[in-house]
Amino acid sequence: MAEEIKSGVHSSAQKIQRPLWKEVDTMTESELKATLIDNYMNLQRIISASDVKKEAEYQIKGVKAKLESMGIVTEDLDIH
């Protein structure tokens, strides 16, 4: 952090300032909870739907749109 000068004393003027913000790539605990609640609710919707296949296809469209908006290609994940 601070550079040491010949006397062995750290100079505060020479300290490298850390950025005030940094990019965060990790999910917070509250974001993880919200995601798991969404997953749970979506599974409940599929189970209770009158047309299970139609509801599952609807859920897939939503998740696919979210993934693609983040730059993730979903074609390789599709089962044909």
Protein backbone atom coordinates (compact mmCIF):
# COMPACT_ATOMS: atom_id res chain seq x y z
CA MET A 1 0.00 0.00 0.00
CA ALA A 2 2.30 2.79 1.16
CA GLU A 3 5.79 3.00 -0.18
CA GLU A 4 8.60 2.96 2.32
CA ILE A 5 11.14 5.76 2.10
CA LYS A 6 14.80 5.36 3.08
CA SER A 7 14.18 6.32 6.71
CA GLY A 8 11.83 3.35 7.06
CA VAL A 9 8.78 5.56 7.63
CA HIS A 10 5.66 5.17 5.51
CA SER A 11 4.60 8.31 3.72
CA SER A 12 0.83 8.80 3.67
CA ALA A 13 1.19 11.00 0.59
CA GLN A 14 2.58 8.07 -1.32
CA LYS A 15 -0.23 5.65 -0.46
CA ILE A 16 -2.04 4.18 -3.41
CA GLN A 17 -5.70 5.10 -3.20
CA ARG A 18 -8.06 2.17 -3.59
CA PRO A 19 -11.00 2.60 -5.97
CA LEU A 20 -14.17 3.83 -4.31
CA TRP A 21 -16.11 1.04 -5.99
CA LYS A 22 -15.31 -2.31 -7.47
CA GLU A 23 -17.20 -4.64 -9.72
CA VAL A 24 -18.91 -7.38 -7.76
CA ASP A 25 -19.37 -10.73 -9.46
CA THR A 26 -20.88 -12.54 -6.51
CA MET A 27 -24.51 -12.82 -5.51
CA THR A 28 -25.46 -11.40 -2.14
CA GLU A 29 -27.35 -13.53 0.33
CA SER A 30 -30.54 -11.53 -0.20
CA GLU A 31 -30.23 -11.90 -4.00
CA LEU A 32 -29.77 -15.65 -3.58
CA LYS A 33 -32.83 -15.84 -1.32
CA ALA A 34 -34.92 -13.90 -3.86
CA THR A 35 -33.77 -16.18 -6.68
CA LEU A 36 -34.60 -19.31 -4.71
CA ILE A 37 -38.03 -17.94 -3.78
CA ASP A 38 -38.69 -17.19 -7.47
CA ASN A 39 -37.62 -20.73 -8.42
CA TYR A 40 -39.85 -22.24 -5.74
CA MET A 41 -42.85 -20.15 -6.83
CA ASN A 42 -42.29 -21.00 -10.49
CA LEU A 43 -42.20 -24.73 -9.69
CA GLN A 44 -45.42 -24.35 -7.70
CA ARG A 45 -47.02 -22.63 -10.71
CA ILE A 46 -45.99 -25.49 -12.97
CA ILE A 47 -47.38 -28.13 -10.61
CA SER A 48 -50.71 -26.35 -10.12
CA ALA A 49 -51.21 -25.31 -13.77
CA SER A 50 -54.12 -26.80 -15.71
CA ASP A 51 -51.76 -27.25 -18.67
CA VAL A 52 -48.42 -28.22 -17.13
CA LYS A 53 -46.56 -28.33 -20.44
CA LYS A 54 -47.79 -24.87 -21.46
CA GLU A 55 -46.77 -23.37 -18.10
CA ALA A 56 -43.34 -25.04 -18.23
CA GLU A 57 -42.80 -23.69 -21.75
CA TYR A 58 -43.79 -20.23 -20.53
CA GLN A 59 -41.31 -20.46 -17.64
CA ILE A 60 -38.56 -21.59 -20.03
CA LYS A 61 -39.19 -18.58 -22.29
CA GLY A 62 -38.75 -16.21 -19.36
CA VAL A 63 -35.54 -17.80 -18.12
CA LYS A 64 -34.19 -18.04 -21.67
CA ALA A 65 -34.80 -14.31 -22.21
CA LYS A 66 -32.97 -13.50 -18.97
CA LEU A 67 -30.01 -15.71 -19.88
CA GLU A 68 -29.75 -14.28 -23.39
CA SER A 69 -29.89 -10.72 -22.04
CA MET A 70 -26.79 -11.64 -20.03
CA GLY A 71 -25.03 -12.96 -23.14
CA ILE A 72 -25.53 -16.67 -22.42
CA VAL A 73 -26.35 -18.77 -25.47
CA THR A 74 -29.12 -21.23 -24.63
CA GLU A 75 -29.26 -23.24 -27.85
CA ASP A 76 -26.74 -25.78 -26.58
CA LEU A 77 -28.85 -26.31 -23.45
CA ASP A 78 -32.03 -27.20 -25.34
CA ILE A 79 -33.05 -30.85 -25.49
CA HIS A 80 -34.00 -31.87 -29.02
